[in-house]
PDB file of all heavy atoms in Angstrom:
ATOM      1  N   LYS A   1     -15.819  64.264  -7.084  1.00  0.00           N
ATOM      2  CA  LYS A   1     -16.958  63.993  -7.959  1.00  0.00           C
ATOM      3  C   LYS A   1     -18.215  63.951  -7.097  1.00  0.00           C
ATOM      4  O   LYS A   1     -18.227  63.333  -6.025  1.00  0.00           O
ATOM      5  CB  LYS A   1     -16.750  62.660  -8.668  1.00  0.00           C
ATOM      6  CG  LYS A   1     -17.847  62.286  -9.623  1.00  0.00           C
ATOM      7  CD  LYS A   1     -17.491  60.970 -10.303  1.00  0.00           C
ATOM      8  CE  LYS A   1     -18.572  60.506 -11.220  1.00  0.00           C
ATOM      9  NZ  LYS A   1     -18.213  59.219 -11.869  1.00  0.00           N
ATOM     10  N   VAL A   2     -19.266  64.614  -7.571  1.00  0.00           N
ATOM     11  CA  VAL A   2     -20.494  64.697  -6.798  1.00  0.00           C
ATOM     12  C   VAL A   2     -21.656  64.169  -7.630  1.00  0.00           C
ATOM     13  O   VAL A   2     -21.835  64.554  -8.786  1.00  0.00           O
ATOM     14  CB  VAL A   2     -20.785  66.160  -6.380  1.00  0.00           C
ATOM     15  CG1 VAL A   2     -22.081  66.254  -5.603  1.00  0.00           C
ATOM     16  CG2 VAL A   2     -19.626  66.721  -5.565  1.00  0.00           C
ATOM     17  N   ASN A   3     -22.427  63.299  -7.028  1.00  0.00           N
ATOM     18  CA  ASN A   3     -23.650  62.811  -7.650  1.00  0.00           C
ATOM     19  C   ASN A   3     -24.745  63.830  -7.349  1.00  0.00           C
ATOM     20  O   ASN A   3     -25.017  64.140  -6.187  1.00  0.00           O
ATOM     21  CB  ASN A   3     -24.017  61.443  -7.070  1.00  0.00           C
ATOM     22  CG  ASN A   3     -25.313  60.911  -7.625  1.00  0.00           C
ATOM     23  OD1 ASN A   3     -26.372  61.495  -7.444  1.00  0.00           O
ATOM     24  ND2 ASN A   3     -25.213  59.782  -8.291  1.00  0.00           N
ATOM     25  N   VAL A   4     -25.358  64.363  -8.386  1.00  0.00           N
ATOM     26  CA  VAL A   4     -26.341  65.438  -8.207  1.00  0.00           C
ATOM     27  C   VAL A   4     -27.520  64.996  -7.363  1.00  0.00           C
ATOM     28  O   VAL A   4     -27.980  65.738  -6.492  1.00  0.00           O
ATOM     29  CB  VAL A   4     -26.807  65.989  -9.573  1.00  0.00           C
ATOM     30  CG1 VAL A   4     -27.932  66.994  -9.401  1.00  0.00           C
ATOM     31  CG2 VAL A   4     -25.651  66.632 -10.305  1.00  0.00           C
ATOM     32  N   LYS A   5     -28.026  63.796  -7.576  1.00  0.00           N
ATOM     33  CA  LYS A   5     -29.184  63.330  -6.807  1.00  0.00           C
ATOM     34  C   LYS A   5     -28.890  63.282  -5.308  1.00  0.00           C
ATOM     35  O   LYS A   5     -29.712  63.679  -4.492  1.00  0.00           O
ATOM     36  CB  LYS A   5     -29.645  61.970  -7.325  1.00  0.00           C
ATOM     37  CG  LYS A   5     -30.299  62.042  -8.694  1.00  0.00           C
ATOM     38  CD  LYS A   5     -30.672  60.671  -9.196  1.00  0.00           C
ATOM     39  CE  LYS A   5     -31.303  60.651 -10.563  1.00  0.00           C
ATOM     40  NZ  LYS A   5     -30.794  61.536 -11.559  1.00  0.00           N
ATOM     41  N   VAL A   6     -27.696  62.827  -4.949  1.00  0.00           N
ATOM     42  CA  VAL A   6     -27.291  62.772  -3.541  1.00  0.00           C
ATOM     43  C   VAL A   6     -27.147  64.193  -2.990  1.00  0.00           C
ATOM     44  O   VAL A   6     -27.602  64.499  -1.881  1.00  0.00           O
ATOM     45  CB  VAL A   6     -25.975  61.977  -3.382  1.00  0.00           C
ATOM     46  CG1 VAL A   6     -25.436  62.083  -1.961  1.00  0.00           C
ATOM     47  CG2 VAL A   6     -26.182  60.528  -3.785  1.00  0.00           C
ATOM     48  N   TYR A   7     -26.528  65.069  -3.781  1.00  0.00           N
ATOM     49  CA  TYR A   7     -26.339  66.459  -3.361  1.00  0.00           C
ATOM     50  C   TYR A   7     -27.689  67.154  -3.139  1.00  0.00           C
ATOM     51  O   TYR A   7     -27.880  67.863  -2.150  1.00  0.00           O
ATOM     52  CB  TYR A   7     -25.509  67.208  -4.399  1.00  0.00           C
ATOM     53  CG  TYR A   7     -25.080  68.574  -3.947  1.00  0.00           C
ATOM     54  CD1 TYR A   7     -24.001  68.731  -3.088  1.00  0.00           C
ATOM     55  CD2 TYR A   7     -25.758  69.715  -4.371  1.00  0.00           C
ATOM     56  CE1 TYR A   7     -23.603  69.987  -2.657  1.00  0.00           C
ATOM     57  CE2 TYR A   7     -25.367  70.969  -3.952  1.00  0.00           C
ATOM     58  CZ  TYR A   7     -24.292  71.099  -3.100  1.00  0.00           C
ATOM     59  OH  TYR A   7     -23.915  72.341  -2.675  1.00  0.00           O
ATOM     60  N   LEU A   8     -28.629  66.935  -4.064  1.00  0.00           N
ATOM     61  CA  LEU A   8     -29.948  67.563  -3.934  1.00  0.00           C
ATOM     62  C   LEU A   8     -30.691  67.058  -2.703  1.00  0.00           C
ATOM     63  O   LEU A   8     -31.394  67.821  -2.046  1.00  0.00           O
ATOM     64  CB  LEU A   8     -30.780  67.324  -5.195  1.00  0.00           C
ATOM     65  CG  LEU A   8     -30.292  68.057  -6.437  1.00  0.00           C
ATOM     66  CD1 LEU A   8     -31.139  67.672  -7.643  1.00  0.00           C
ATOM     67  CD2 LEU A   8     -30.306  69.563  -6.239  1.00  0.00           C
ATOM     68  N   LYS A   9     -30.525  65.797  -2.388  1.00  0.00           N
ATOM     69  CA  LYS A   9     -31.159  65.251  -1.177  1.00  0.00           C
ATOM     70  C   LYS A   9     -30.624  65.964   0.063  1.00  0.00           C
ATOM     71  O   LYS A   9     -31.392  66.329   0.954  1.00  0.00           O
ATOM     72  CB  LYS A   9     -30.910  63.748  -1.086  1.00  0.00           C
ATOM     73  CG  LYS A   9     -31.595  63.109   0.091  1.00  0.00           C
ATOM     74  CD  LYS A   9     -31.347  61.623   0.150  1.00  0.00           C
ATOM     75  CE  LYS A   9     -32.061  61.064   1.370  1.00  0.00           C
ATOM     76  NZ  LYS A   9     -31.597  59.750   1.732  1.00  0.00           N
ATOM     77  N   LYS A  10     -29.305  66.181   0.107  1.00  0.00           N
ATOM     78  CA  LYS A  10     -28.705  66.883   1.251  1.00  0.00           C
ATOM     79  C   LYS A  10     -29.226  68.319   1.340  1.00  0.00           C
ATOM     80  O   LYS A  10     -29.523  68.814   2.430  1.00  0.00           O
ATOM     81  CB  LYS A  10     -27.178  66.885   1.131  1.00  0.00           C
ATOM     82  CG  LYS A  10     -26.558  65.545   1.378  1.00  0.00           C
ATOM     83  CD  LYS A  10     -25.054  65.598   1.212  1.00  0.00           C
ATOM     84  CE  LYS A  10     -24.440  64.222   1.361  1.00  0.00           C
ATOM     85  NZ  LYS A  10     -23.002  64.223   1.117  1.00  0.00           N
ATOM     86  N   ILE A  11     -29.314  68.982   0.200  1.00  0.00           N
ATOM     87  CA  ILE A  11     -29.825  70.360   0.184  1.00  0.00           C
ATOM     88  C   ILE A  11     -31.276  70.398   0.643  1.00  0.00           C
ATOM     89  O   ILE A  11     -31.671  71.259   1.433  1.00  0.00           O
ATOM     90  CB  ILE A  11     -29.689  70.972  -1.226  1.00  0.00           C
ATOM     91  CG1 ILE A  11     -28.243  71.354  -1.470  1.00  0.00           C
ATOM     92  CG2 ILE A  11     -30.596  72.181  -1.402  1.00  0.00           C
ATOM     93  CD1 ILE A  11     -28.000  72.006  -2.797  1.00  0.00           C
ATOM     94  N   ARG A  12     -32.078  69.480   0.142  1.00  0.00           N
ATOM     95  CA  ARG A  12     -33.493  69.424   0.524  1.00  0.00           C
ATOM     96  C   ARG A  12     -33.617  69.316   2.035  1.00  0.00           C
ATOM     97  O   ARG A  12     -34.360  70.073   2.676  1.00  0.00           O
ATOM     98  CB  ARG A  12     -34.159  68.229  -0.166  1.00  0.00           C
ATOM     99  CG  ARG A  12     -35.644  68.100   0.089  1.00  0.00           C
ATOM    100  CD  ARG A  12     -36.258  66.885  -0.626  1.00  0.00           C
ATOM    101  NE  ARG A  12     -35.953  66.874  -2.045  1.00  0.00           N
ATOM    102  CZ  ARG A  12     -35.181  65.963  -2.656  1.00  0.00           C
ATOM    103  NH1 ARG A  12     -34.631  64.982  -1.961  1.00  0.00           N
ATOM    104  NH2 ARG A  12     -34.958  66.028  -3.949  1.00  0.00           N
ATOM    105  N   GLU A  13     -32.873  68.381   2.625  1.00  0.00           N
ATOM    106  CA  GLU A  13     -32.929  68.175   4.078  1.00  0.00           C
ATOM    107  C   GLU A  13     -32.427  69.400   4.833  1.00  0.00           C
ATOM    108  O   GLU A  13     -33.022  69.811   5.828  1.00  0.00           O
ATOM    109  CB  GLU A  13     -32.108  66.939   4.452  1.00  0.00           C
ATOM    110  CG  GLU A  13     -32.718  65.650   3.960  1.00  0.00           C
ATOM    111  CD  GLU A  13     -31.808  64.438   4.097  1.00  0.00           C
ATOM    112  OE1 GLU A  13     -30.655  64.589   4.580  1.00  0.00           O
ATOM    113  OE2 GLU A  13     -32.244  63.339   3.717  1.00  0.00           O
ATOM    114  N   LYS A  14     -31.340  69.975   4.365  1.00  0.00           N
ATOM    115  CA  LYS A  14     -30.740  71.142   5.027  1.00  0.00           C
ATOM    116  C   LYS A  14     -31.725  72.316   5.068  1.00  0.00           C
ATOM    117  O   LYS A  14     -31.896  72.974   6.099  1.00  0.00           O
ATOM    118  CB  LYS A  14     -29.462  71.534   4.286  1.00  0.00           C
ATOM    119  CG  LYS A  14     -28.727  72.700   4.849  1.00  0.00           C
ATOM    120  CD  LYS A  14     -27.460  72.955   4.031  1.00  0.00           C
ATOM    121  CE  LYS A  14     -26.702  74.157   4.508  1.00  0.00           C
ATOM    122  NZ  LYS A  14     -25.486  74.392   3.721  1.00  0.00           N
ATOM    123  N   PHE A  15     -32.398  72.579   3.951  1.00  0.00           N
ATOM    124  CA  PHE A  15     -33.310  73.708   3.886  1.00  0.00           C
ATOM    125  C   PHE A  15     -34.638  73.426   4.585  1.00  0.00           C
ATOM    126  O   PHE A  15     -35.277  74.350   5.082  1.00  0.00           O
ATOM    127  CB  PHE A  15     -33.522  74.147   2.433  1.00  0.00           C
ATOM    128  CG  PHE A  15     -32.425  75.035   1.923  1.00  0.00           C
ATOM    129  CD1 PHE A  15     -31.189  74.525   1.597  1.00  0.00           C
ATOM    130  CD2 PHE A  15     -32.627  76.402   1.791  1.00  0.00           C
ATOM    131  CE1 PHE A  15     -30.164  75.339   1.144  1.00  0.00           C
ATOM    132  CE2 PHE A  15     -31.613  77.227   1.345  1.00  0.00           C
ATOM    133  CZ  PHE A  15     -30.378  76.696   1.021  1.00  0.00           C
ATOM    134  N   PHE A  16     -35.072  72.163   4.627  1.00  0.00           N
ATOM    135  CA  PHE A  16     -36.271  71.828   5.398  1.00  0.00           C
ATOM    136  C   PHE A  16     -36.014  72.033   6.889  1.00  0.00           C
ATOM    137  O   PHE A  16     -36.879  72.526   7.615  1.00  0.00           O
ATOM    138  CB  PHE A  16     -36.718  70.390   5.149  1.00  0.00           C
ATOM    139  CG  PHE A  16     -37.660  70.225   3.986  1.00  0.00           C
ATOM    140  CD1 PHE A  16     -37.434  69.238   3.049  1.00  0.00           C
ATOM    141  CD2 PHE A  16     -38.776  71.042   3.813  1.00  0.00           C
ATOM    142  CE1 PHE A  16     -38.295  69.070   1.970  1.00  0.00           C
ATOM    143  CE2 PHE A  16     -39.637  70.888   2.748  1.00  0.00           C
ATOM    144  CZ  PHE A  16     -39.394  69.898   1.820  1.00  0.00           C
ATOM    145  N   LYS A  17     -34.812  71.670   7.334  1.00  0.00           N
ATOM    146  CA  LYS A  17     -34.469  71.811   8.753  1.00  0.00           C
ATOM    147  C   LYS A  17     -34.292  73.269   9.162  1.00  0.00           C
ATOM    148  O   LYS A  17     -34.533  73.622  10.304  1.00  0.00           O
ATOM    149  CB  LYS A  17     -33.197  71.039   9.075  1.00  0.00           C
ATOM    150  CG  LYS A  17     -33.378  69.543   9.089  1.00  0.00           C
ATOM    151  CD  LYS A  17     -32.077  68.829   9.384  1.00  0.00           C
ATOM    152  CE  LYS A  17     -32.258  67.323   9.306  1.00  0.00           C
ATOM    153  NZ  LYS A  17     -30.982  66.618   9.466  1.00  0.00           N
ATOM    154  N   ASN A  18     -33.844  74.098   8.215  1.00  0.00           N
ATOM    155  CA  ASN A  18     -33.586  75.506   8.525  1.00  0.00           C
ATOM    156  C   ASN A  18     -34.146  76.406   7.418  1.00  0.00           C
ATOM    157  O   ASN A  18     -33.401  76.855   6.546  1.00  0.00           O
ATOM    158  CB  ASN A  18     -32.090  75.742   8.704  1.00  0.00           C
ATOM    159  CG  ASN A  18     -31.787  77.136   9.199  1.00  0.00           C
ATOM    160  OD1 ASN A  18     -32.676  77.959   9.360  1.00  0.00           O
ATOM    161  ND2 ASN A  18     -30.517  77.406   9.417  1.00  0.00           N
ATOM    162  N   PRO A  19     -35.453  76.700   7.447  1.00  0.00           N
ATOM    163  CA  PRO A  19     -36.077  77.516   6.409  1.00  0.00           C
ATOM    164  C   PRO A  19     -35.494  78.928   6.281  1.00  0.00           C
ATOM    165  O   PRO A  19     -35.606  79.557   5.235  1.00  0.00           O
ATOM    166  CB  PRO A  19     -37.546  77.584   6.826  1.00  0.00           C
ATOM    167  CG  PRO A  19     -37.745  76.436   7.749  1.00  0.00           C
ATOM    168  CD  PRO A  19     -36.428  76.199   8.407  1.00  0.00           C
ATOM    169  N   ASN A  20     -34.824  79.405   7.313  1.00  0.00           N
ATOM    170  CA  ASN A  20     -34.222  80.742   7.226  1.00  0.00           C
ATOM    171  C   ASN A  20     -33.099  80.807   6.183  1.00  0.00           C
ATOM    172  O   ASN A  20     -32.728  81.896   5.746  1.00  0.00           O
ATOM    173  CB  ASN A  20     -33.686  81.186   8.589  1.00  0.00           C
ATOM    174  CG  ASN A  20     -34.811  81.552   9.524  1.00  0.00           C
ATOM    175  OD1 ASN A  20     -35.853  82.033   9.109  1.00  0.00           O
ATOM    176  ND2 ASN A  20     -34.605  81.301  10.797  1.00  0.00           N
ATOM    177  N   LEU A  21     -32.575  79.658   5.785  1.00  0.00           N
ATOM    178  CA  LEU A  21     -31.538  79.632   4.748  1.00  0.00           C
ATOM    179  C   LEU A  21     -32.048  80.226   3.434  1.00  0.00           C
ATOM    180  O   LEU A  21     -31.277  80.783   2.661  1.00  0.00           O
ATOM    181  CB  LEU A  21     -31.046  78.203   4.517  1.00  0.00           C
ATOM    182  CG  LEU A  21     -30.219  77.588   5.631  1.00  0.00           C
ATOM    183  CD1 LEU A  21     -29.935  76.116   5.334  1.00  0.00           C
ATOM    184  CD2 LEU A  21     -28.925  78.354   5.811  1.00  0.00           C
ATOM    185  N   TRP A  22     -33.346  80.099   3.186  1.00  0.00           N
ATOM    186  CA  TRP A  22     -33.933  80.681   1.965  1.00  0.00           C
ATOM    187  C   TRP A  22     -33.607  82.160   1.872  1.00  0.00           C
ATOM    188  O   TRP A  22     -33.307  82.673   0.802  1.00  0.00           O
ATOM    189  CB  TRP A  22     -35.452  80.483   1.952  1.00  0.00           C
ATOM    190  CG  TRP A  22     -35.888  79.109   1.582  1.00  0.00           C
ATOM    191  CD1 TRP A  22     -35.870  78.007   2.390  1.00  0.00           C
ATOM    192  CD2 TRP A  22     -36.374  78.677   0.331  1.00  0.00           C
ATOM    193  NE1 TRP A  22     -36.334  76.922   1.702  1.00  0.00           N
ATOM    194  CE2 TRP A  22     -36.664  77.303   0.444  1.00  0.00           C
ATOM    195  CE3 TRP A  22     -36.636  79.320  -0.879  1.00  0.00           C
ATOM    196  CZ2 TRP A  22     -37.178  76.560  -0.619  1.00  0.00           C
ATOM    197  CZ3 TRP A  22     -37.148  78.578  -1.927  1.00  0.00           C
ATOM    198  CH2 TRP A  22     -37.410  77.221  -1.797  1.00  0.00           C
ATOM    199  N   TYR A  23     -33.675  82.857   3.001  1.00  0.00           N
ATOM    200  CA  TYR A  23     -33.466  84.306   3.014  1.00  0.00           C
ATOM    201  C   TYR A  23     -31.989  84.673   2.930  1.00  0.00           C
ATOM    202  O   TYR A  23     -31.654  85.817   2.640  1.00  0.00           O
ATOM    203  CB  TYR A  23     -34.113  84.919   4.258  1.00  0.00           C
ATOM    204  CG  TYR A  23     -35.572  84.528   4.368  1.00  0.00           C
ATOM    205  CD1 TYR A  23     -36.016  83.663   5.355  1.00  0.00           C
ATOM    206  CD2 TYR A  23     -36.507  84.999   3.439  1.00  0.00           C
ATOM    207  CE1 TYR A  23     -37.351  83.284   5.436  1.00  0.00           C
ATOM    208  CE2 TYR A  23     -37.837  84.619   3.506  1.00  0.00           C
ATOM    209  CZ  TYR A  23     -38.252  83.763   4.503  1.00  0.00           C
ATOM    210  OH  TYR A  23     -39.558  83.391   4.560  1.00  0.00           O
ATOM    211  N   GLU A  24     -31.122  83.707   3.164  1.00  0.00           N
ATOM    212  CA  GLU A  24     -29.689  83.952   3.024  1.00  0.00           C
ATOM    213  C   GLU A  24     -29.218  83.796   1.583  1.00  0.00           C
ATOM    214  O   GLU A  24     -28.257  84.427   1.172  1.00  0.00           O
ATOM    215  CB  GLU A  24     -28.896  82.995   3.924  1.00  0.00           C
ATOM    216  CG  GLU A  24     -29.110  83.249   5.400  1.00  0.00           C
ATOM    217  CD  GLU A  24     -28.358  82.264   6.277  1.00  0.00           C
ATOM    218  OE1 GLU A  24     -27.391  81.649   5.791  1.00  0.00           O
ATOM    219  OE2 GLU A  24     -28.745  82.108   7.449  1.00  0.00           O
ATOM    220  N   VAL A  25     -29.890  82.940   0.820  1.00  0.00           N
ATOM    221  CA  VAL A  25     -29.446  82.665  -0.551  1.00  0.00           C
ATOM    222  C   VAL A  25     -30.297  83.337  -1.622  1.00  0.00           C
ATOM    223  O   VAL A  25     -29.889  83.398  -2.773  1.00  0.00           O
ATOM    224  CB  VAL A  25     -29.347  81.146  -0.832  1.00  0.00           C
ATOM    225  CG1 VAL A  25     -28.312  80.494   0.066  1.00  0.00           C
ATOM    226  CG2 VAL A  25     -30.692  80.473  -0.689  1.00  0.00           C
ATOM    227  N   ILE A  26     -31.466  83.823  -1.234  1.00  0.00           N
ATOM    228  CA  ILE A  26     -32.355  84.491  -2.202  1.00  0.00           C
ATOM    229  C   ILE A  26     -32.734  85.862  -1.665  1.00  0.00           C
ATOM    230  O   ILE A  26     -33.233  85.999  -0.561  1.00  0.00           O
ATOM    231  CB  ILE A  26     -33.641  83.680  -2.450  1.00  0.00           C
ATOM    232  CG1 ILE A  26     -33.298  82.294  -2.983  1.00  0.00           C
ATOM    233  CG2 ILE A  26     -34.566  84.422  -3.415  1.00  0.00           C
ATOM    234  CD1 ILE A  26     -34.463  81.350  -3.087  1.00  0.00           C
ATOM    235  N   ILE A  27     -32.474  86.880  -2.474  1.00  0.00           N
ATOM    236  CA  ILE A  27     -32.854  88.234  -2.121  1.00  0.00           C
ATOM    237  C   ILE A  27     -33.614  88.817  -3.305  1.00  0.00           C
ATOM    238  O   ILE A  27     -33.294  88.474  -4.430  1.00  0.00           O
ATOM    239  CB  ILE A  27     -31.637  89.143  -1.848  1.00  0.00           C
ATOM    240  CG1 ILE A  27     -30.333  88.414  -1.734  1.00  0.00           C
ATOM    241  CG2 ILE A  27     -31.829  89.995  -0.669  1.00  0.00           C
ATOM    242  CD1 ILE A  27     -29.155  89.292  -1.404  1.00  0.00           C
ATOM    243  N   PRO A  28     -34.584  89.631  -3.117  1.00  0.00           N
ATOM    244  CA  PRO A  28     -35.099  90.141  -1.844  1.00  0.00           C
ATOM    245  C   PRO A  28     -35.967  89.108  -1.116  1.00  0.00           C
ATOM    246  O   PRO A  28     -36.312  88.072  -1.669  1.00  0.00           O
ATOM    247  CB  PRO A  28     -35.938  91.353  -2.263  1.00  0.00           C
ATOM    248  CG  PRO A  28     -36.405  91.028  -3.640  1.00  0.00           C
ATOM    249  CD  PRO A  28     -35.296  90.208  -4.261  1.00  0.00           C
ATOM    250  N   ARG A  29     -36.295  89.446   0.088  1.00  0.00           N
ATOM    251  CA  ARG A  29     -37.082  88.547   0.950  1.00  0.00           C
ATOM    252  C   ARG A  29     -38.392  88.123   0.285  1.00  0.00           C
ATOM    253  O   ARG A  29     -38.811  86.972   0.391  1.00  0.00           O
ATOM    254  CB  ARG A  29     -37.344  89.234   2.287  1.00  0.00           C
ATOM    255  CG  ARG A  29     -38.037  88.349   3.288  1.00  0.00           C
ATOM    256  CD  ARG A  29     -38.192  89.038   4.651  1.00  0.00           C
ATOM    257  NE  ARG A  29     -38.767  88.143   5.626  1.00  0.00           N
ATOM    258  CZ  ARG A  29     -38.081  87.284   6.355  1.00  0.00           C
ATOM    259  NH1 ARG A  29     -36.772  87.211   6.224  1.00  0.00           N
ATOM    260  NH2 ARG A  29     -38.672  86.493   7.215  1.00  0.00           N
ATOM    261  N   GLU A  30     -39.018  89.027  -0.428  1.00  0.00           N
ATOM    262  CA  GLU A  30     -40.287  88.726  -1.092  1.00  0.00           C
ATOM    263  C   GLU A  30     -40.115  87.610  -2.121  1.00  0.00           C
ATOM    264  O   GLU A  30     -40.978  86.749  -2.281  1.00  0.00           O
ATOM    265  CB  GLU A  30     -40.869  89.977  -1.771  1.00  0.00           C
ATOM    266  CG  GLU A  30     -41.250  91.084  -0.815  1.00  0.00           C
ATOM    267  CD  GLU A  30     -40.062  91.911  -0.325  1.00  0.00           C
ATOM    268  OE1 GLU A  30     -38.983  91.912  -0.974  1.00  0.00           O
ATOM    269  OE2 GLU A  30     -40.196  92.546   0.737  1.00  0.00           O
ATOM    270  N   ALA A  31     -38.997  87.625  -2.829  1.00  0.00           N
ATOM    271  CA  ALA A  31     -38.722  86.578  -3.814  1.00  0.00           C
ATOM    272  C   ALA A  31     -38.512  85.231  -3.111  1.00  0.00           C
ATOM    273  O   ALA A  31     -39.006  84.197  -3.576  1.00  0.00           O
ATOM    274  CB  ALA A  31     -37.499  86.933  -4.644  1.00  0.00           C
ATOM    275  N   ALA A  32     -37.808  85.252  -2.002  1.00  0.00           N
ATOM    276  CA  ALA A  32     -37.588  84.024  -1.238  1.00  0.00           C
ATOM    277  C   ALA A  32     -38.919  83.455  -0.745  1.00  0.00           C
ATOM    278  O   ALA A  32     -39.161  82.243  -0.849  1.00  0.00           O
ATOM    279  CB  ALA A  32     -36.659  84.287  -0.065  1.00  0.00           C
ATOM    280  N   GLU A  33     -39.789  84.314  -0.267  1.00  0.00           N
ATOM    281  CA  GLU A  33     -41.092  83.863   0.222  1.00  0.00           C
ATOM    282  C   GLU A  33     -41.939  83.279  -0.907  1.00  0.00           C
ATOM    283  O   GLU A  33     -42.599  82.249  -0.734  1.00  0.00           O
ATOM    284  CB  GLU A  33     -41.821  85.020   0.908  1.00  0.00           C
ATOM    285  CG  GLU A  33     -41.182  85.401   2.224  1.00  0.00           C
ATOM    286  CD  GLU A  33     -41.723  86.683   2.829  1.00  0.00           C
ATOM    287  OE1 GLU A  33     -42.450  87.432   2.140  1.00  0.00           O
ATOM    288  OE2 GLU A  33     -41.386  86.945   4.004  1.00  0.00           O
ATOM    289  N   ARG A  34     -41.907  83.924  -2.069  1.00  0.00           N
ATOM    290  CA  ARG A  34     -42.680  83.444  -3.219  1.00  0.00           C
ATOM    291  C   ARG A  34     -42.160  82.076  -3.670  1.00  0.00           C
ATOM    292  O   ARG A  34     -42.938  81.140  -3.865  1.00  0.00           O
ATOM    293  CB  ARG A  34     -42.597  84.443  -4.373  1.00  0.00           C
ATOM    294  CG  ARG A  34     -43.342  84.010  -5.630  1.00  0.00           C
ATOM    295  CD  ARG A  34     -43.256  85.039  -6.752  1.00  0.00           C
ATOM    296  NE  ARG A  34     -41.904  85.453  -7.078  1.00  0.00           N
ATOM    297  CZ  ARG A  34     -41.046  84.737  -7.824  1.00  0.00           C
ATOM    298  NH1 ARG A  34     -41.388  83.573  -8.299  1.00  0.00           N
ATOM    299  NH2 ARG A  34     -39.838  85.211  -8.089  1.00  0.00           N
ATOM    300  N   LEU A  35     -40.845  81.958  -3.808  1.00  0.00           N
ATOM    301  CA  LEU A  35     -40.263  80.689  -4.238  1.00  0.00           C
ATOM    302  C   LEU A  35     -40.466  79.579  -3.207  1.00  0.00           C
ATOM    303  O   LEU A  35     -40.718  78.428  -3.558  1.00  0.00           O
ATOM    304  CB  LEU A  35     -38.773  80.864  -4.544  1.00  0.00           C
ATOM    305  CG  LEU A  35     -38.476  81.663  -5.801  1.00  0.00           C
ATOM    306  CD1 LEU A  35     -36.999  82.036  -5.855  1.00  0.00           C
ATOM    307  CD2 LEU A  35     -38.871  80.872  -7.039  1.00  0.00           C
ATOM    308  N   TYR A  36     -40.377  79.943  -1.941  1.00  0.00           N
ATOM    309  CA  TYR A  36     -40.611  78.975  -0.870  1.00  0.00           C
ATOM    310  C   TYR A  36     -42.018  78.389  -0.995  1.00  0.00           C
ATOM    311  O   TYR A  36     -42.217  77.175  -0.914  1.00  0.00           O
ATOM    312  CB  TYR A  36     -40.425  79.639   0.492  1.00  0.00           C
ATOM    313  CG  TYR A  36     -40.606  78.706   1.657  1.00  0.00           C
ATOM    314  CD1 TYR A  36     -39.545  77.935   2.115  1.00  0.00           C
ATOM    315  CD2 TYR A  36     -41.828  78.585   2.302  1.00  0.00           C
ATOM    316  CE1 TYR A  36     -39.695  77.059   3.182  1.00  0.00           C
ATOM    317  CE2 TYR A  36     -41.992  77.714   3.361  1.00  0.00           C
ATOM    318  CZ  TYR A  36     -40.934  76.960   3.805  1.00  0.00           C
ATOM    319  OH  TYR A  36     -41.098  76.086   4.850  1.00  0.00           O
ATOM    320  N   ALA A  37     -42.990  79.255  -1.224  1.00  0.00           N
ATOM    321  CA  ALA A  37     -44.377  78.803  -1.365  1.00  0.00           C
ATOM    322  C   ALA A  37     -44.546  77.949  -2.623  1.00  0.00           C
ATOM    323  O   ALA A  37     -45.188  76.892  -2.581  1.00  0.00           O
ATOM    324  CB  ALA A  37     -45.312  80.010  -1.400  1.00  0.00           C
ATOM    325  N   GLU A  38     -43.976  78.400  -3.736  1.00  0.00           N
ATOM    326  CA  GLU A  38     -44.098  77.658  -4.997  1.00  0.00           C
ATOM    327  C   GLU A  38     -43.478  76.265  -4.903  1.00  0.00           C
ATOM    328  O   GLU A  38     -43.991  75.314  -5.488  1.00  0.00           O
ATOM    329  CB  GLU A  38     -43.436  78.426  -6.137  1.00  0.00           C
ATOM    330  CG  GLU A  38     -44.204  79.643  -6.589  1.00  0.00           C
ATOM    331  CD  GLU A  38     -43.461  80.449  -7.650  1.00  0.00           C
ATOM    332  OE1 GLU A  38     -42.453  79.953  -8.212  1.00  0.00           O
ATOM    333  OE2 GLU A  38     -43.887  81.585  -7.923  1.00  0.00           O
ATOM    334  N   CYS A  39     -42.384  76.154  -4.199  1.00  0.00           N
ATOM    335  CA  CYS A  39     -41.653  74.881  -4.090  1.00  0.00           C
ATOM    336  C   CYS A  39     -42.055  74.079  -2.859  1.00  0.00           C
ATOM    337  O   CYS A  39     -41.470  73.017  -2.608  1.00  0.00           O
ATOM    338  CB  CYS A  39     -40.154  75.148  -4.043  1.00  0.00           C
ATOM    339  SG  CYS A  39     -39.516  75.896  -5.524  1.00  0.00           S
ATOM    340  N   LYS A  40     -42.988  74.611  -2.088  1.00  0.00           N
ATOM    341  CA  LYS A  40     -43.423  73.962  -0.852  1.00  0.00           C
ATOM    342  C   LYS A  40     -42.229  73.662   0.061  1.00  0.00           C
ATOM    343  O   LYS A  40     -42.136  72.603   0.676  1.00  0.00           O
ATOM    344  CB  LYS A  40     -44.215  72.706  -1.158  1.00  0.00           C
ATOM    345  CG  LYS A  40     -45.503  72.980  -1.920  1.00  0.00           C
ATOM    346  CD  LYS A  40     -46.247  71.695  -2.191  1.00  0.00           C
ATOM    347  CE  LYS A  40     -47.587  71.972  -2.794  1.00  0.00           C
ATOM    348  NZ  LYS A  40     -47.653  72.183  -4.189  1.00  0.00           N
TER     349      LYS A  40
END
């Protein structure tokens, strides 16, 4: 069983520490860059 709030906190930290993960999970690169900017 997973608590979503706890899971989202882990994801937030993981992606802040390694911004290159955006390009691994979102394609094309332009979309990842746009979403990265929109979500800060």
